N, C-alpha and C. Protein backbone atom coordinates (compact mmCIF):
# COMPACT_ATOMS: atom_id res chain seq x y z
N MET A 1 113.32 112.26 104.96
CA MET A 1 113.13 112.27 105.89
C MET A 1 114.43 113.11 106.60
N SER A 2 113.99 114.29 107.12
CA SER A 2 115.00 115.21 107.97
C SER A 2 115.78 114.65 109.15
N ARG A 3 114.65 114.16 110.30
CA ARG A 3 115.00 113.89 111.76
C ARG A 3 115.10 112.12 111.45
N PRO A 4 115.10 110.55 112.49
CA PRO A 4 115.42 110.09 113.13
C PRO A 4 113.60 109.40 113.85
N ALA A 5 112.95 108.93 113.07
CA ALA A 5 111.36 108.00 113.71
C ALA A 5 111.40 108.50 115.25
N ASN A 6 111.09 108.44 116.22
CA ASN A 6 111.08 108.95 117.52
C ASN A 6 109.88 107.88 117.35
N PRO A 7 109.56 106.66 118.42
CA PRO A 7 108.57 105.60 118.31
C PRO A 7 108.07 106.54 119.64
N LEU A 8 108.48 107.05 120.77
CA LEU A 8 108.14 107.14 121.91
C LEU A 8 106.77 108.50 121.34
N ARG A 9 106.95 108.97 120.16
CA ARG A 9 105.47 109.31 119.57
C ARG A 9 104.29 108.81 118.41
N GLY A 10 104.45 107.54 118.74
CA GLY A 10 104.31 107.11 117.36
C GLY A 10 104.90 106.92 116.27
N GLU A 11 106.43 106.91 115.91
CA GLU A 11 106.84 107.50 114.72
C GLU A 11 107.16 106.16 113.78
N SER A 12 107.41 106.73 112.43
CA SER A 12 107.61 105.18 112.30
C SER A 12 108.24 105.54 111.03
N ALA A 13 109.42 105.38 110.49
CA ALA A 13 109.79 105.44 108.46
C ALA A 13 108.70 104.57 108.71
N PHE A 14 108.88 104.83 106.92
CA PHE A 14 108.38 104.42 105.93
C PHE A 14 108.44 104.60 104.12
N VAL A 15 108.66 103.23 104.22
CA VAL A 15 109.89 104.29 102.45
C VAL A 15 108.81 103.84 100.75
N VAL A 16 108.82 104.82 100.91
CA VAL A 16 107.75 104.72 98.87
C VAL A 16 108.47 104.91 97.80
N ALA A 17 109.00 104.05 97.19
CA ALA A 17 109.49 104.39 96.13
C ALA A 17 111.75 104.34 96.44
N GLY A 18 112.21 104.13 97.80
CA GLY A 18 112.64 103.95 97.90
C GLY A 18 113.20 105.49 98.54
N THR A 19 112.64 106.22 98.74
CA THR A 19 112.34 107.22 99.87
C THR A 19 111.98 106.95 100.87
N THR A 20 113.17 107.37 101.79
CA THR A 20 111.98 107.41 103.03
C THR A 20 111.24 108.34 104.08
N HIS A 21 110.27 107.91 104.64
CA HIS A 21 109.66 109.31 105.46
C HIS A 21 108.74 109.14 106.90
N LEU A 22 108.61 110.10 107.07
CA LEU A 22 108.95 110.15 108.68
C LEU A 22 106.50 110.11 109.26
N LEU A 23 106.71 109.09 109.07
CA LEU A 23 105.09 108.41 109.38
C LEU A 23 104.68 108.48 110.87
N ARG A 24 104.21 109.77 110.71
CA ARG A 24 103.60 110.42 112.24
C ARG A 24 101.98 109.90 112.42
N PRO A 25 101.12 109.89 113.78
CA PRO A 25 99.95 110.23 113.55
C PRO A 25 99.83 111.45 114.10
N SER A 26 100.01 112.71 113.97
CA SER A 26 99.34 113.75 114.34
C SER A 26 98.12 113.49 114.31
N PHE A 27 97.65 115.04 115.26
CA PHE A 27 96.01 115.26 115.50
C PHE A 27 95.05 115.15 114.21
N GLU A 28 96.23 116.49 113.09
CA GLU A 28 95.36 116.84 111.94
C GLU A 28 95.19 114.69 111.08
N ASN A 29 96.30 115.15 111.55
CA ASN A 29 96.39 113.44 110.39
C ASN A 29 95.18 112.39 110.50
N LEU A 30 95.29 111.93 111.87
CA LEU A 30 94.37 111.34 112.23
C LEU A 30 92.60 111.66 111.99
N VAL A 31 92.59 113.05 112.09
CA VAL A 31 91.49 113.58 111.96
C VAL A 31 91.12 113.14 110.59
N ALA A 32 92.08 113.42 109.76
CA ALA A 32 91.89 113.59 108.13
C ALA A 32 91.25 111.92 108.10
N ALA A 33 92.80 111.38 108.16
CA ALA A 33 91.84 109.83 108.25
C ALA A 33 90.89 109.37 108.26
N GLU A 34 90.04 109.96 109.52
CA GLU A 34 88.97 109.84 109.91
C GLU A 34 87.58 110.62 109.04
N ALA A 35 87.90 111.35 108.63
CA ALA A 35 86.48 111.30 107.97
C ALA A 35 86.46 110.82 107.03
N GLU A 36 87.78 110.08 105.90
CA GLU A 36 87.48 109.56 105.30
C GLU A 36 87.40 108.01 105.52
N LEU A 37 88.15 107.40 106.00
CA LEU A 37 87.63 106.10 107.14
C LEU A 37 86.44 105.76 107.68
N GLY A 38 86.00 106.65 108.43
CA GLY A 38 85.16 106.46 109.47
C GLY A 38 85.43 106.26 111.04
N SER A 39 85.46 105.91 112.19
CA SER A 39 85.38 105.89 113.37
C SER A 39 87.43 104.99 113.56
N LEU A 40 88.42 105.66 114.09
CA LEU A 40 88.67 105.18 113.89
C LEU A 40 88.84 104.17 115.39
N PHE A 41 87.62 103.76 115.43
CA PHE A 41 87.46 102.59 116.91
C PHE A 41 87.24 101.51 116.26
N GLU A 42 86.37 102.29 114.66
CA GLU A 42 85.80 101.10 114.48
C GLU A 42 86.70 100.38 113.43
N LEU A 43 87.78 100.87 113.32
CA LEU A 43 89.07 100.96 112.09
C LEU A 43 89.60 99.80 113.54
N VAL A 44 89.99 99.55 114.29
CA VAL A 44 90.80 99.26 115.49
C VAL A 44 90.21 98.09 114.95
N GLU A 45 88.18 98.02 115.08
CA GLU A 45 87.99 96.03 115.69
C GLU A 45 88.38 95.98 114.22
N ARG A 46 88.35 96.44 112.79
CA ARG A 46 88.25 95.70 112.20
C ARG A 46 89.53 95.27 111.21
N ALA A 47 90.36 96.07 112.23
CA ALA A 47 92.17 95.71 112.61
C ALA A 47 91.94 94.49 113.15
N ALA A 48 91.97 94.46 114.18
CA ALA A 48 91.54 92.67 115.11
C ALA A 48 90.80 91.90 114.00
N GLN A 49 90.48 92.33 114.30
CA GLN A 49 89.93 91.22 113.49
C GLN A 49 90.20 90.57 111.78
N GLY A 50 91.10 91.16 111.28
CA GLY A 50 92.18 91.41 110.46
C GLY A 50 91.18 91.64 109.35
N ALA A 51 90.25 92.45 109.91
CA ALA A 51 89.26 92.97 107.60
C ALA A 51 89.18 94.07 107.89
N LEU A 52 90.99 94.32 108.00
CA LEU A 52 90.40 96.33 106.45
C LEU A 52 91.67 95.60 105.79
N THR A 53 91.06 96.74 104.98
CA THR A 53 90.75 96.22 103.21
C THR A 53 92.00 96.66 102.56
N LEU A 54 92.64 97.27 101.67
CA LEU A 54 94.65 97.29 101.05
C LEU A 54 94.05 99.28 101.19
N ALA A 55 92.72 99.13 100.57
CA ALA A 55 92.80 100.51 100.29
C ALA A 55 92.37 101.90 101.28
N GLU A 56 92.13 100.50 102.73
CA GLU A 56 92.13 101.25 104.07
C GLU A 56 93.12 101.98 104.82
N ILE A 57 94.61 100.49 104.61
CA ILE A 57 95.07 100.19 104.58
C ILE A 57 96.36 102.03 103.90
N THR A 58 96.03 101.13 103.08
CA THR A 58 96.67 102.15 102.40
C THR A 58 96.41 104.34 102.57
N ALA A 59 94.92 103.97 103.09
CA ALA A 59 94.18 105.98 103.36
C ALA A 59 95.17 105.88 104.43
N LEU A 60 94.18 104.89 105.56
CA LEU A 60 95.50 105.82 107.22
C LEU A 60 96.79 105.78 107.11
N VAL A 61 97.86 105.66 105.71
CA VAL A 61 99.17 104.87 105.89
C VAL A 61 99.15 106.29 105.78
N TRP A 62 98.92 107.02 104.15
CA TRP A 62 98.91 107.72 103.89
C TRP A 62 98.43 108.97 104.24
N HIS A 63 98.14 109.47 104.74
CA HIS A 63 96.46 110.12 106.26
C HIS A 63 98.51 110.74 106.68
N CYS A 64 98.80 110.19 107.45
CA CYS A 64 99.81 110.00 108.69
C CYS A 64 101.13 109.85 107.56
N LEU A 65 102.09 110.40 106.89
CA LEU A 65 103.11 111.09 106.15
C LEU A 65 102.88 112.21 105.95
N PRO A 66 103.65 112.93 105.67
CA PRO A 66 103.86 114.73 106.36
C PRO A 66 102.91 115.52 105.03
N ALA A 67 102.26 116.58 105.02
CA ALA A 67 101.61 116.66 103.38
C ALA A 67 102.52 117.21 103.16
N GLU A 68 104.19 118.28 103.20
CA GLU A 68 104.34 118.97 102.49
C GLU A 68 105.53 118.07 101.71
N ASP A 69 106.11 116.64 101.92
CA ASP A 69 106.46 116.21 100.64
C ASP A 69 106.12 114.14 100.67
N ARG A 70 104.43 114.59 101.00
CA ARG A 70 103.46 113.56 101.05
C ARG A 70 103.94 112.80 98.74
N PRO A 71 104.36 111.25 99.56
CA PRO A 71 103.44 110.75 97.78
C PRO A 71 102.47 110.39 97.48
N LYS A 72 102.30 110.85 96.17
CA LYS A 72 101.12 109.96 95.78
C LYS A 72 100.53 108.83 96.72
N ARG A 73 99.27 108.62 96.80
CA ARG A 73 98.11 107.83 96.97
C ARG A 73 99.16 106.19 97.14
N HIS A 74 98.90 106.33 95.28
CA HIS A 74 98.88 105.34 94.61
C HIS A 74 100.53 104.44 94.90
N ALA A 75 101.32 105.62 94.75
CA ALA A 75 102.81 104.96 95.52
C ALA A 75 102.67 104.76 96.92
N VAL A 76 102.05 105.04 97.65
CA VAL A 76 102.22 105.13 98.82
C VAL A 76 101.40 103.12 98.82
N GLY A 77 100.83 102.97 97.90
CA GLY A 77 99.92 101.51 97.44
C GLY A 77 100.49 100.28 97.60
N GLU A 78 101.41 101.26 96.33
CA GLU A 78 102.12 100.16 95.86
C GLU A 78 103.27 100.27 97.33
N ALA A 79 104.22 100.70 97.86
CA ALA A 79 104.86 100.39 99.27
C ALA A 79 104.08 98.87 98.61
N ILE A 80 103.17 98.83 99.93
CA ILE A 80 102.88 98.70 100.69
C ILE A 80 102.21 97.13 99.91
N LEU A 81 101.50 97.04 98.32
CA LEU A 81 101.48 95.90 98.13
C LEU A 81 103.48 95.41 98.42
N SER A 82 104.93 96.04 97.26
CA SER A 82 105.37 96.12 97.24
C SER A 82 106.30 95.28 98.75
N MET A 83 105.92 95.74 99.59
CA MET A 83 106.17 95.21 101.68
C MET A 83 105.84 94.15 102.08
N GLY A 84 104.76 93.74 101.11
CA GLY A 84 103.32 92.35 102.27
C GLY A 84 102.18 93.26 102.77
N LEU A 85 101.41 93.15 102.84
CA LEU A 85 100.15 93.30 104.00
C LEU A 85 99.95 92.32 105.09
N VAL A 86 101.19 91.93 105.52
CA VAL A 86 101.49 91.06 106.72
C VAL A 86 102.88 92.76 107.24
N ALA A 87 103.85 92.47 106.56
CA ALA A 87 104.45 93.91 107.17
C ALA A 87 103.77 95.00 107.48
N ALA A 88 102.97 95.82 106.04
CA ALA A 88 102.30 96.86 105.94
C ALA A 88 101.10 97.42 107.88
N THR A 89 100.86 95.49 108.28
CA THR A 89 100.48 96.01 108.90
C THR A 89 100.97 96.38 110.90
N ARG A 90 102.95 96.71 110.28
CA ARG A 90 103.18 97.56 111.30
C ARG A 90 103.04 98.51 111.50
N PRO A 91 103.28 98.88 110.92
CA PRO A 91 103.12 101.13 110.40
C PRO A 91 101.40 100.82 111.45
N VAL A 92 100.79 100.69 109.83
CA VAL A 92 99.62 100.11 110.73
C VAL A 92 98.59 100.07 112.75
N ARG A 93 99.44 98.90 112.71
CA ARG A 93 99.45 99.17 114.33
C ARG A 93 100.51 99.50 115.59
N VAL A 94 100.91 101.38 114.96
CA VAL A 94 101.68 101.77 115.51
C VAL A 94 100.88 102.89 115.38
N ILE A 95 99.70 103.09 114.74
CA ILE A 95 99.17 104.38 114.02
C ILE A 95 98.09 103.66 115.34
N LEU A 96 97.59 102.94 115.10
CA LEU A 96 96.18 102.63 116.06
C LEU A 96 96.74 102.39 117.30
N ALA A 97 97.87 102.18 117.42
CA ALA A 97 98.29 102.25 118.86
C ALA A 97 98.88 103.85 119.33
N GLN A 98 98.99 104.74 118.78
CA GLN A 98 99.35 105.70 119.38
C GLN A 98 97.67 106.79 119.89
N ALA A 99 97.46 106.21 118.74
CA ALA A 99 95.32 106.77 118.12
C ALA A 99 94.93 106.24 119.25
N LEU A 100 94.75 104.70 120.51
CA LEU A 100 94.30 104.23 121.68
C LEU A 100 94.94 105.21 122.43
N GLN A 101 96.03 105.32 122.71
CA GLN A 101 96.59 104.94 123.95
C GLN A 101 97.70 106.61 123.94
N GLY A 102 97.42 107.16 122.90
CA GLY A 102 97.93 108.71 123.14
C GLY A 102 99.75 109.11 123.59
N GLU A 103 100.90 109.80 123.47
CA GLU A 103 101.58 110.30 123.54
C GLU A 103 102.45 109.30 124.76
N VAL A 104 103.87 108.69 125.11
CA VAL A 104 103.78 108.50 126.11
C VAL A 104 104.85 110.35 127.01
């Protein structure tokens, strides 16, 4: 990660295989995630019900990593499993909150 995460922009740090990446829900990233996962509003509803799947969490996080140094999706999934699903909901909440509320 070349610069620190800016939480006011919805950014956070995300570690995959010992490397820290900038997790940022940009417009392009969210559009790509929505194209794969369906409506972000429906994703928020499933998240509120505790009904997100590991595949959905992994896809959402993976899409919000910068494409130029994005790790393989399976590595992101392994990072999520190693941190545990409860801890993995933190970056998911940040991403979904940013999508719903917009930039501060």
